Amino acid sequence: MHRVGKSILLLILGLFLAGCPFMVGAGMGVGAYHVMQGDLARLYRADYDTAWEAAILTLEEMEMTVVDSNKGETSGKIKAKRFDGSPVKIIVTQKALDVTRLRVRIGAVGDTAKAERFHERFRKNVFD
């Protein structure tokens, strides 16, 4: 099976087992990700507050300006702008006690390569 096919299969399996942190964690171990409507989403083994702080730090490190943020108890959205004025949207959602999903859209229609770079920097911030 192709790598993309395996990733899609893992994502579908993860959706069916969304309430089970063990299976979500297993999906994270193989680099599960999903592109939805221009957003690049990944699951991380980190609590919601840690992920939120790491997202803010990553925006600062990548010289993106926060325009608006709304942090709820289990989900929050951050709107920012890149140096060239293009929009950035970050959605942080708690999926389980220590599992958080980070959705990133950079640009009006979504630039997967730039979103991937954001995820790489975020991963370093959340786990260091």
Protein backbone atom coordinates (compact mmCIF):
# COMPACT_ATOMS: atom_id res chain seq x y z
CA MET A 1 0.00 0.00 0.00
CA HIS A 2 1.30 3.47 -0.77
CA ARG A 3 2.42 5.76 2.03
CA VAL A 4 -0.44 8.19 1.41
CA GLY A 5 -2.92 5.31 1.44
CA LYS A 6 -1.57 4.11 4.77
CA SER A 7 -1.84 7.61 6.22
CA ILE A 8 -5.44 7.94 5.07
CA LEU A 9 -6.26 4.52 6.47
CA LEU A 10 -4.70 5.47 9.82
CA LEU A 11 -6.65 8.73 9.86
CA ILE A 12 -9.94 6.95 9.20
CA LEU A 13 -9.15 4.39 11.88
CA GLY A 14 -8.26 7.23 14.25
CA LEU A 15 -11.60 8.92 13.60
CA PHE A 16 -13.46 5.74 14.49
CA LEU A 17 -11.43 5.37 17.67
CA ALA A 18 -11.28 9.07 18.55
CA GLY A 19 -12.15 8.42 22.18
CA CYS A 20 -9.24 6.04 22.70
CA PRO A 21 -5.95 7.83 23.54
CA PHE A 22 -3.94 4.63 23.01
CA MET A 23 -4.97 4.33 19.38
CA VAL A 24 -4.57 8.04 18.76
CA GLY A 25 -1.06 7.78 20.19
CA ALA A 26 -0.31 4.85 17.90
CA GLY A 27 -1.36 6.97 14.92
CA MET A 28 0.94 9.78 16.05
CA GLY A 29 3.88 7.40 16.12
CA VAL A 30 3.77 6.93 12.36
CA GLY A 31 3.42 10.63 11.56
CA ALA A 32 -0.31 10.71 10.91
CA TYR A 33 -1.48 13.92 9.35
CA HIS A 34 -4.40 15.15 7.34
CA VAL A 35 -4.90 17.97 4.89
CA MET A 36 -8.44 19.32 5.14
CA GLN A 37 -9.55 22.27 3.06
CA GLY A 38 -6.02 23.67 2.90
CA ASP A 39 -5.27 23.07 6.61
CA LEU A 40 -2.51 20.68 7.66
CA ALA A 41 -3.54 18.90 10.86
CA ARG A 42 -1.48 16.65 13.13
CA LEU A 43 -1.97 15.02 16.49
CA TYR A 44 0.59 15.55 19.25
CA ARG A 45 1.07 13.81 22.58
CA ALA A 46 0.88 17.01 24.59
CA ASP A 47 -1.74 18.58 26.82
CA TYR A 48 -3.84 21.43 25.48
CA ASP A 49 -2.20 24.25 27.48
CA THR A 50 1.31 23.17 26.50
CA ALA A 51 0.30 22.97 22.83
CA TRP A 52 -1.32 26.43 23.00
CA GLU A 53 1.81 28.01 24.47
CA ALA A 54 4.01 26.21 21.91
CA ALA A 55 1.81 27.53 19.08
CA ILE A 56 2.16 31.13 20.33
CA LEU A 57 5.94 30.70 20.72
CA THR A 58 6.22 29.20 17.22
CA LEU A 59 4.35 32.16 15.72
CA GLU A 60 6.75 34.56 17.48
CA GLU A 61 9.83 32.62 16.35
CA MET A 62 8.62 32.59 12.75
CA GLU A 63 7.99 36.37 12.96
CA MET A 64 4.24 36.12 12.51
CA THR A 65 2.03 38.70 14.21
CA VAL A 66 -0.97 37.54 16.22
CA VAL A 67 -4.06 39.48 15.12
CA ASP A 68 -6.67 37.70 17.24
CA SER A 69 -6.81 34.73 19.60
CA ASN A 70 -9.64 32.96 21.35
CA LYS A 71 -8.69 30.22 23.81
CA GLY A 72 -11.50 28.10 25.20
CA GLU A 73 -11.30 25.23 27.68
CA THR A 74 -10.61 22.54 25.07
CA SER A 75 -10.28 24.38 21.77
CA GLY A 76 -8.90 27.66 20.57
CA LYS A 77 -8.19 29.64 17.42
CA ILE A 78 -5.33 32.00 16.64
CA LYS A 79 -5.36 34.36 13.67
CA ALA A 80 -2.05 35.84 12.62
CA LYS A 81 -0.29 37.45 9.66
CA ARG A 82 3.02 36.66 8.03
CA PHE A 83 5.54 39.37 7.22
CA ASP A 84 4.09 39.60 3.69
CA GLY A 85 0.56 40.13 5.03
CA SER A 86 -0.75 36.66 4.16
CA PRO A 87 -3.16 35.19 6.74
CA VAL A 88 -2.29 32.41 9.17
CA LYS A 89 -4.91 30.37 11.02
CA ILE A 90 -4.07 28.01 13.88
CA ILE A 91 -6.65 25.80 15.62
CA VAL A 92 -5.62 23.90 18.74
CA THR A 93 -8.05 21.22 19.92
CA GLN A 94 -7.79 18.85 22.88
CA LYS A 95 -8.64 15.34 21.68
CA ALA A 96 -7.83 13.43 24.88
CA LEU A 97 -6.16 14.21 28.20
CA ASP A 98 -2.66 14.34 26.70
CA VAL A 99 -3.43 14.40 22.97
CA THR A 100 -3.92 17.65 21.07
CA ARG A 101 -4.63 18.34 17.39
CA LEU A 102 -2.95 21.30 15.73
CA ARG A 103 -4.47 22.59 12.46
CA VAL A 104 -2.44 25.11 10.49
CA ARG A 105 -3.38 27.11 7.40
CA ILE A 106 -0.89 29.54 5.94
CA GLY A 107 -2.13 31.71 3.10
CA ALA A 108 -5.65 32.20 1.79
CA VAL A 109 -5.95 28.71 0.26
CA GLY A 110 -3.33 26.93 2.35
CA ASP A 111 0.35 26.34 1.58
CA THR A 112 1.20 22.81 2.71
CA ALA A 113 4.98 23.32 2.56
CA LYS A 114 4.82 26.40 4.81
CA ALA A 115 2.38 24.67 7.16
CA GLU A 116 4.79 21.71 7.36
CA ARG A 117 7.61 24.07 8.39
CA PHE A 118 5.34 25.49 11.09
CA HIS A 119 4.61 21.96 12.37
CA GLU A 120 8.35 21.16 12.45
CA ARG A 121 9.11 24.24 14.56
CA PHE A 122 6.04 23.60 16.74
CA ARG A 123 7.14 20.01 17.38
CA LYS A 124 10.52 21.26 18.66
CA ASN A 125 8.82 23.80 20.92
CA VAL A 126 6.27 21.39 22.34
CA PHE A 127 8.76 18.60 23.11
CA ASP A 128 11.79 20.61 24.26
